[in-house]
Amino acid sequence: CSKKICHGCNYAIQKREYEGKLQPTCPFCRHSTPNTKEEAERNISKRIEANDPSALPRVGTKCLREGDDKGAFECFTKVAALGDIG
């Protein structure tokens, strides 16, 4: 679901899942983690279409890597307008 979590909390969740032989899930939405890269990209695309400020920076970063500075600027401006500054 693209939400951020601190490293300590992430470690605790992974440790609990490993020790309990549990299926890895998202700590926020409890959906199972994607098994393939395509599935992960599909999930991220859904969050981007929903204007999720946690997912949109991925698009901006991708634009920067591809040399699309204008697209990256527009994306990061949209993220800031949605309230995510970090």
C-alpha atoms as a PDB file:
ATOM      1  CA  CYS A   1       0.000   0.000   0.000  1.00  0.00           C
ATOM      2  CA  SER A   2       3.129   2.209  -0.124  1.00  0.00           C
ATOM      3  CA  LYS A   3       2.972   3.454   3.457  1.00  0.00           C
ATOM      4  CA  LYS A   4       6.236   4.184   5.235  1.00  0.00           C
ATOM      5  CA  ILE A   5       7.330   2.447   8.414  1.00  0.00           C
ATOM      6  CA  CYS A   6      10.429   2.935  10.546  1.00  0.00           C
ATOM      7  CA  HIS A   7      13.260   0.399  10.347  1.00  0.00           C
ATOM      8  CA  GLY A   8      12.793  -0.761  13.944  1.00  0.00           C
ATOM      9  CA  CYS A   9       9.087  -1.459  13.458  1.00  0.00           C
ATOM     10  CA  ASN A  10       9.812  -3.177  10.150  1.00  0.00           C
ATOM     11  CA  TYR A  11      12.417  -5.381  11.840  1.00  0.00           C
ATOM     12  CA  ALA A  12       9.993  -6.303  14.633  1.00  0.00           C
ATOM     13  CA  ILE A  13       7.299  -7.243  12.125  1.00  0.00           C
ATOM     14  CA  GLN A  14       9.677  -9.338  10.028  1.00  0.00           C
ATOM     15  CA  LYS A  15      10.999 -11.067  13.150  1.00  0.00           C
ATOM     16  CA  ARG A  16       7.451 -11.878  14.337  1.00  0.00           C
ATOM     17  CA  GLU A  17       6.515 -13.261  10.928  1.00  0.00           C
ATOM     18  CA  TYR A  18       9.716 -15.315  10.678  1.00  0.00           C
ATOM     19  CA  GLU A  19       9.523 -16.751  14.185  1.00  0.00           C
ATOM     20  CA  GLY A  20       5.800 -17.497  13.876  1.00  0.00           C
ATOM     21  CA  LYS A  21       6.239 -18.920  10.371  1.00  0.00           C
ATOM     22  CA  LEU A  22       3.639 -16.405   9.192  1.00  0.00           C
ATOM     23  CA  GLN A  23       2.975 -15.197   5.665  1.00  0.00           C
ATOM     24  CA  PRO A  24       4.535 -11.718   5.216  1.00  0.00           C
ATOM     25  CA  THR A  25       1.854  -9.018   5.114  1.00  0.00           C
ATOM     26  CA  CYS A  26       1.683  -5.249   4.938  1.00  0.00           C
ATOM     27  CA  PRO A  27       1.612  -3.850   8.495  1.00  0.00           C
ATOM     28  CA  PHE A  28      -1.024  -1.305   7.446  1.00  0.00           C
ATOM     29  CA  CYS A  29      -3.489  -3.038   5.122  1.00  0.00           C
ATOM     30  CA  ARG A  30      -2.660  -6.672   6.044  1.00  0.00           C
ATOM     31  CA  HIS A  31      -2.597  -7.784   2.405  1.00  0.00           C
ATOM     32  CA  SER A  32       0.033 -10.352   1.556  1.00  0.00           C
ATOM     33  CA  THR A  33       3.212  -9.016   0.015  1.00  0.00           C
ATOM     34  CA  PRO A  34       3.534  -9.293  -3.774  1.00  0.00           C
ATOM     35  CA  ASN A  35       5.213 -12.429  -5.109  1.00  0.00           C
ATOM     36  CA  THR A  36       6.415 -10.946  -8.397  1.00  0.00           C
ATOM     37  CA  LYS A  37       7.810  -7.629  -9.578  1.00  0.00           C
ATOM     38  CA  GLU A  38       4.815  -7.238 -11.905  1.00  0.00           C
ATOM     39  CA  GLU A  39       2.386  -7.698  -9.017  1.00  0.00           C
ATOM     40  CA  ALA A  40       4.281  -5.112  -6.949  1.00  0.00           C
ATOM     41  CA  GLU A  41       4.221  -2.626  -9.835  1.00  0.00           C
ATOM     42  CA  ARG A  42       0.481  -3.222 -10.302  1.00  0.00           C
ATOM     43  CA  ASN A  43      -0.113  -2.473  -6.614  1.00  0.00           C
ATOM     44  CA  ILE A  44       1.985   0.697  -6.780  1.00  0.00           C
ATOM     45  CA  SER A  45       0.136   1.797  -9.924  1.00  0.00           C
ATOM     46  CA  LYS A  46      -3.156   1.517  -8.050  1.00  0.00           C
ATOM     47  CA  ARG A  47      -1.818   3.759  -5.276  1.00  0.00           C
ATOM     48  CA  ILE A  48      -0.496   6.265  -7.819  1.00  0.00           C
ATOM     49  CA  GLU A  49      -3.887   6.389  -9.573  1.00  0.00           C
ATOM     50  CA  ALA A  50      -5.443   7.094  -6.163  1.00  0.00           C
ATOM     51  CA  ASN A  51      -3.019  10.047  -5.713  1.00  0.00           C
ATOM     52  CA  ASP A  52      -1.415   8.436  -2.670  1.00  0.00           C
ATOM     53  CA  PRO A  53       1.328  10.860  -1.556  1.00  0.00           C
ATOM     54  CA  SER A  54       3.388   7.912  -0.302  1.00  0.00           C
ATOM     55  CA  ALA A  55       3.480   6.297  -3.755  1.00  0.00           C
ATOM     56  CA  LEU A  56       3.827   9.353  -6.002  1.00  0.00           C
ATOM     57  CA  PRO A  57       7.511  10.065  -5.184  1.00  0.00           C
ATOM     58  CA  ARG A  58       8.372   6.809  -6.972  1.00  0.00           C
ATOM     59  CA  VAL A  59       7.046   8.331 -10.187  1.00  0.00           C
ATOM     60  CA  GLY A  60       9.044  11.516  -9.628  1.00  0.00           C
ATOM     61  CA  THR A  61      12.207   9.543  -8.983  1.00  0.00           C
ATOM     62  CA  LYS A  62      11.609   7.463 -12.105  1.00  0.00           C
ATOM     63  CA  CYS A  63      11.170  10.661 -14.137  1.00  0.00           C
ATOM     64  CA  LEU A  64      14.472  11.998 -12.790  1.00  0.00           C
ATOM     65  CA  ARG A  65      16.302   8.787 -13.703  1.00  0.00           C
ATOM     66  CA  GLU A  66      14.897   8.987 -17.225  1.00  0.00           C
ATOM     67  CA  GLY A  67      15.950  12.635 -17.585  1.00  0.00           C
ATOM     68  CA  ASP A  68      12.405  14.056 -17.441  1.00  0.00           C
ATOM     69  CA  ASP A  69      13.072  16.945 -15.076  1.00  0.00           C
ATOM     70  CA  LYS A  70       9.783  18.686 -15.881  1.00  0.00           C
ATOM     71  CA  GLY A  71       7.776  15.522 -15.154  1.00  0.00           C
ATOM     72  CA  ALA A  72       9.667  14.976 -11.901  1.00  0.00           C
ATOM     73  CA  PHE A  73       9.036  18.574 -10.823  1.00  0.00           C
ATOM     74  CA  GLU A  74       5.322  18.250 -11.567  1.00  0.00           C
ATOM     75  CA  CYS A  75       5.119  14.993  -9.649  1.00  0.00           C
ATOM     76  CA  PHE A  76       6.962  16.272  -6.578  1.00  0.00           C
ATOM     77  CA  THR A  77       4.887  19.465  -6.638  1.00  0.00           C
ATOM     78  CA  LYS A  78       1.732  17.325  -6.597  1.00  0.00           C
ATOM     79  CA  VAL A  79       3.093  15.301  -3.674  1.00  0.00           C
ATOM     80  CA  ALA A  80       3.784  18.486  -1.716  1.00  0.00           C
ATOM     81  CA  ALA A  81       0.289  19.797  -2.483  1.00  0.00           C
ATOM     82  CA  LEU A  82      -1.137  16.550  -1.102  1.00  0.00           C
ATOM     83  CA  GLY A  83       0.715  17.189   2.159  1.00  0.00           C
ATOM     84  CA  ASP A  84       3.714  14.871   1.984  1.00  0.00           C
ATOM     85  CA  ILE A  85       6.955  16.794   2.381  1.00  0.00           C
ATOM     86  CA  GLY A  86       9.246  13.997   3.269  1.00  0.00           C
END
